[in-house]
Amino acid sequence: MSTYNNVEEITRMVLQALESTNANKPTVKVPIGVSARHIHLTQEDVEKLFGKGYQLTKKKDLMGGQFASNEQCTIVGLKLRAIENVRILGPVRSKSQVEISATDARTLGIKAPVRQSGDTAGSAPVALVGPKGAIYLDEGCIVAARHIHMSPADAAAAGLKDNDFVSVRMGNERGAVLDQVKIRVDESFTTEMHIDTDEANACQVKQDDLATII
């Protein structure tokens, strides 16, 4: 057999093996959650913005023990550009953090890096203004990296584990494949993919549409 025929046969066998492997993999669909800009605060910063002894009040329960509060404040970027009425999420955290979209970052005139929630070291500075005061964060403003929350059972069924990365297909006429989607597994999670408003608008998807892990 010629060298060419050897290569052709090997290529055919590899393609068949890949098709067989993919055929045995389950199709995993996950609901989409569209995350609008929001803020996480320490108790100290809550009191600076809303008054001494103030406690966040619950508007709606979210996964993982979090909740959307009734409280909102204004984000102020460089050159005093601002976005008003930004929701604060509770409960309070050990470090304050602001999560915005890339479009918001341009509006505010700041260079917010793409990060997983909680990874704020060296991120963008930002100011927050509330009804009783204002604070300035030397760092803490990020564009939240897309990710999928999964329960341990759903992750195991999909053959995935915490901190894996996958690609996800979503949308129809303007659909796209999003790479580098981090899997986050915890007992308190229900399975849901979190993207920001920029990504949702680009793919023309909305809350509770389904995305497919590929």
Protein backbone atom coordinates (compact mmCIF):
# COMPACT_ATOMS: atom_id res chain seq x y z
CA MET A 1 0.00 0.00 0.00
CA SER A 2 1.32 3.46 -0.89
CA THR A 3 2.16 6.10 1.70
CA TYR A 4 -0.78 8.14 0.47
CA ASN A 5 -3.17 5.22 0.98
CA ASN A 6 -1.76 4.61 4.46
CA VAL A 7 -2.44 8.22 5.44
CA GLU A 8 -5.91 8.08 3.93
CA GLU A 9 -6.79 4.90 5.82
CA ILE A 10 -5.47 6.23 9.12
CA THR A 11 -7.42 9.47 8.66
CA ARG A 12 -10.61 7.52 7.96
CA MET A 13 -10.14 5.40 11.07
CA VAL A 14 -9.51 8.45 13.28
CA LEU A 15 -12.64 10.18 11.97
CA GLN A 16 -14.71 7.07 12.58
CA ALA A 17 -13.38 6.81 16.13
CA LEU A 18 -14.20 10.45 16.83
CA GLU A 19 -17.73 10.05 15.44
CA SER A 20 -18.26 6.98 17.58
CA THR A 21 -17.01 8.76 20.70
CA ASN A 22 -19.19 11.81 20.09
CA ALA A 23 -22.22 9.62 19.39
CA ASN A 24 -21.89 8.08 22.85
CA LYS A 25 -21.70 11.42 24.63
CA PRO A 26 -24.97 12.74 26.08
CA THR A 27 -26.37 15.97 24.70
CA VAL A 28 -26.31 18.38 27.62
CA LYS A 29 -28.66 21.34 27.50
CA VAL A 30 -28.61 24.02 30.17
CA PRO A 31 -30.96 26.95 30.79
CA ILE A 32 -29.49 30.40 30.27
CA GLY A 33 -29.44 33.03 32.98
CA VAL A 34 -28.73 36.58 31.81
CA SER A 35 -26.87 38.53 34.51
CA ALA A 36 -27.35 42.28 34.52
CA ARG A 37 -24.79 44.57 36.14
CA HIS A 38 -24.76 44.21 39.92
CA ILE A 39 -22.82 44.88 43.11
CA HIS A 40 -21.59 42.83 46.07
CA LEU A 41 -20.74 44.72 49.26
CA THR A 42 -19.11 44.21 52.63
CA GLN A 43 -21.22 45.17 55.66
CA GLU A 44 -18.86 48.08 56.27
CA ASP A 45 -19.49 49.42 52.76
CA VAL A 46 -23.26 48.86 53.09
CA GLU A 47 -23.21 51.14 56.12
CA LYS A 48 -21.11 53.76 54.36
CA LEU A 49 -23.64 53.91 51.54
CA PHE A 50 -26.91 53.48 53.47
CA GLY A 51 -26.19 54.48 57.05
CA LYS A 52 -24.81 53.02 60.27
CA GLY A 53 -26.30 49.63 61.18
CA TYR A 54 -28.14 49.30 57.86
CA GLN A 55 -28.98 45.76 56.68
CA LEU A 56 -29.75 44.73 53.09
CA THR A 57 -33.38 43.74 52.56
CA LYS A 58 -34.39 40.80 50.38
CA LYS A 59 -36.29 41.30 47.12
CA LYS A 60 -35.81 37.88 45.50
CA ASP A 61 -33.96 34.66 46.32
CA LEU A 62 -31.18 33.55 43.96
CA MET A 63 -29.19 30.32 43.77
CA GLY A 64 -26.37 29.50 46.12
CA GLY A 65 -27.98 31.30 49.06
CA GLN A 66 -27.72 34.69 47.39
CA PHE A 67 -30.54 37.19 46.96
CA ALA A 68 -31.33 40.31 44.98
CA SER A 69 -31.82 43.11 47.48
CA ASN A 70 -34.17 46.05 47.27
CA GLU A 71 -31.20 48.38 47.58
CA GLN A 72 -29.55 50.05 44.60
CA CYS A 73 -26.79 52.58 44.15
CA THR A 74 -24.90 54.47 41.44
CA ILE A 75 -21.64 53.32 39.84
CA VAL A 76 -19.27 56.17 38.98
CA GLY A 77 -16.30 55.63 36.67
CA LEU A 78 -13.49 57.80 35.47
CA LYS A 79 -14.35 61.26 34.15
CA LEU A 80 -17.45 61.10 36.42
CA ARG A 81 -19.41 58.94 34.01
CA ALA A 82 -22.14 57.11 35.91
CA ILE A 83 -24.72 54.30 35.75
CA GLU A 84 -27.62 54.70 38.16
CA ASN A 85 -29.92 52.22 39.93
CA VAL A 86 -27.57 49.23 39.99
CA ARG A 87 -28.88 46.32 42.07
CA ILE A 88 -26.97 45.11 45.14
CA LEU A 89 -26.88 41.36 45.78
CA GLY A 90 -26.75 39.84 49.25
CA PRO A 91 -25.70 38.52 51.62
CA VAL A 92 -22.74 40.76 52.39
CA ARG A 93 -19.29 39.50 51.41
CA SER A 94 -15.77 39.78 52.77
CA LYS A 95 -14.81 42.05 49.86
CA SER A 96 -16.83 44.47 47.74
CA GLN A 97 -17.09 43.80 44.02
CA VAL A 98 -18.82 45.35 41.01
CA GLU A 99 -19.78 43.21 37.98
CA ILE A 100 -20.55 44.99 34.71
CA SER A 101 -20.59 44.28 30.98
CA ALA A 102 -17.90 45.37 28.53
CA THR A 103 -20.38 47.94 27.17
CA ASP A 104 -20.87 49.31 30.69
CA ALA A 105 -17.10 49.55 31.10
CA ARG A 106 -16.87 51.72 27.98
CA THR A 107 -19.76 53.85 29.22
CA LEU A 108 -18.00 54.36 32.55
CA GLY A 109 -14.62 54.95 30.92
CA ILE A 110 -12.85 52.21 32.87
CA LYS A 111 -10.80 49.16 31.88
CA ALA A 112 -12.50 46.30 33.70
CA PRO A 113 -10.81 42.92 33.13
CA VAL A 114 -12.71 39.70 32.38
CA ARG A 115 -12.58 37.66 35.60
CA GLN A 116 -14.41 34.97 37.51
CA SER A 117 -16.43 36.36 40.40
CA GLY A 118 -14.23 36.91 43.44
CA ASP A 119 -11.02 37.34 41.44
CA THR A 120 -10.62 41.07 41.88
CA ALA A 121 -6.89 41.51 42.56
CA GLY A 122 -5.59 44.24 40.28
CA SER A 123 -9.01 44.87 38.73
CA ALA A 124 -10.44 48.28 37.86
CA PRO A 125 -11.09 51.03 40.43
CA VAL A 126 -14.62 52.37 40.74
CA ALA A 127 -16.72 54.61 42.99
CA LEU A 128 -20.18 53.86 44.41
CA VAL A 129 -22.71 56.45 45.57
CA GLY A 130 -25.62 55.65 47.88
CA PRO A 131 -28.27 57.71 49.67
CA LYS A 132 -26.08 58.26 52.75
CA GLY A 133 -22.57 58.39 51.36
CA ALA A 134 -20.01 57.28 48.79
CA ILE A 135 -17.08 54.86 48.66
CA TYR A 136 -14.09 54.47 46.38
CA LEU A 137 -12.75 50.98 45.60
CA ASP A 138 -9.09 50.86 44.56
CA GLU A 139 -9.94 47.57 42.81
CA GLY A 140 -13.04 45.43 42.45
CA CYS A 141 -14.73 46.20 39.13
CA ILE A 142 -14.76 43.28 36.65
CA VAL A 143 -16.53 41.97 33.58
CA ALA A 144 -17.77 38.61 34.85
CA ALA A 145 -16.48 35.63 32.86
CA ARG A 146 -19.21 33.36 31.51
CA HIS A 147 -19.74 30.17 33.49
CA ILE A 148 -22.14 27.32 34.19
CA HIS A 149 -23.40 26.51 37.66
CA MET A 150 -24.11 22.79 38.12
CA SER A 151 -25.26 20.53 40.90
CA PRO A 152 -22.92 17.58 41.58
CA ALA A 153 -25.48 15.13 40.16
CA ASP A 154 -25.91 17.08 36.90
CA ALA A 155 -22.16 17.52 36.53
CA ALA A 156 -21.54 13.80 37.02
CA ALA A 157 -24.25 12.91 34.50
CA ALA A 158 -22.58 15.21 31.96
CA GLY A 159 -19.11 13.83 32.67
CA LEU A 160 -17.94 17.20 34.02
CA LYS A 161 -16.29 18.42 37.20
CA ASP A 162 -15.64 21.68 39.00
CA ASN A 163 -13.25 24.03 37.13
CA ASP A 164 -13.60 22.22 33.79
CA PHE A 165 -13.94 24.42 30.68
CA VAL A 166 -16.39 23.69 27.86
CA SER A 167 -17.72 25.26 24.67
CA VAL A 168 -21.42 26.06 24.42
CA ARG A 169 -23.69 26.66 21.43
CA MET A 170 -26.62 29.05 21.85
CA GLY A 171 -29.11 31.02 19.79
CA ASN A 172 -30.63 30.56 16.34
CA GLU A 173 -30.33 33.06 13.48
CA ARG A 174 -27.57 34.94 15.30
CA GLY A 175 -26.39 32.03 17.37
CA ALA A 176 -22.76 31.44 18.25
CA VAL A 177 -20.41 29.06 19.99
CA LEU A 178 -18.91 30.48 23.19
CA ASP A 179 -15.59 28.99 24.28
CA GLN A 180 -13.86 29.00 27.67
CA VAL A 181 -17.04 28.52 29.70
CA LYS A 182 -16.07 27.49 33.23
CA ILE A 183 -17.95 24.77 35.07
CA ARG A 184 -18.69 25.56 38.72
CA VAL A 185 -20.06 22.71 40.83
CA ASP A 186 -21.63 23.04 44.27
CA GLU A 187 -24.41 21.37 46.27
CA SER A 188 -26.22 24.72 46.52
CA PHE A 189 -26.34 25.24 42.74
CA THR A 190 -29.06 24.48 40.26
CA THR A 191 -27.82 24.01 36.71
CA GLU A 192 -27.76 27.29 34.79
CA MET A 193 -25.38 29.09 32.45
CA HIS A 194 -24.62 32.69 33.36
CA ILE A 195 -23.79 35.19 30.62
CA ASP A 196 -23.95 38.97 30.65
CA THR A 197 -26.22 41.25 28.66
CA ASP A 198 -23.64 41.83 25.92
CA GLU A 199 -23.38 38.09 25.21
CA ALA A 200 -27.15 37.60 25.38
CA ASN A 201 -27.80 40.46 22.95
CA ALA A 202 -25.10 39.31 20.53
CA CYS A 203 -26.63 35.81 20.33
CA GLN A 204 -30.23 37.06 20.60
CA VAL A 205 -31.03 34.81 23.55
CA LYS A 206 -33.03 35.55 26.66
CA GLN A 207 -33.53 34.30 30.20
CA ASP A 208 -34.42 30.57 30.35
CA ASP A 209 -33.55 29.83 26.70
CA LEU A 210 -31.51 26.63 26.35
CA ALA A 211 -27.84 26.34 25.43
CA THR A 212 -26.05 23.14 24.41
CA ILE A 213 -22.68 22.02 25.77
CA ILE A 214 -20.70 20.69 22.78
